Every structure is written in structure tokens, then in C-alpha cells.
Amino acid sequence: AMMMQNARHVDWGDRSVAIPVFLTVVLMPFTYTITTGVAAGVISYSAIKLAQGRAREVGAFMWGLTVIFIVFFALNPIESWLGVH
């Protein structure tokens, strides 16, 4: 409920912001983990800005988080594929 109060301040007309916010808000309760929701939001925000040719608007810290979250999502499938746990 508290998180949804802040959603009214989002510029829903700007899809480069609205889509990551939507993914973050929706994935948190559906996956039962805050990390997955935040990771999806960070990755989608950076990817959308990159696709729009506006990558310079994304700061170095956010790019670092994007890489960390991509590795976070990629590790489990890679470990399973290699048979490592």
C-alpha cells in the first residue's frame, strides 16, 4: 500500500520510466522477492534508454547495477547448464 502511494508521482506518459516502474511494482509481489522486482526495473530502464539512444542519461552507478543484476539472473541457468551447484 505504501509503495502504491508513490506510484501516482510517476510520469506514466514517459514509457522509458513507466515500464520499469510497472515491472518493479508487479514483479515484487508475484515473485515474492524485492530483489527480482528491483532488478527487472533496473535492467529494463537501462535497456529502454539504450534502445532509445539515450544511454548517456543513465548514470555509471545504474550501469553498474544493470551488469550486476544481469549476472545475478544469468548465474543460475549457467550453473545448471554446467552442472555446478
Foldseek 3Di string as FASTA:
>chain_A
DVLVVCVVVFPCVPCLQNVLVVQLVVVCVVVVHNLVSNLSSLLSSCVVCVVVVNNVVDDPVSVVSNVVSVCVVPVVVVCVVVVHD
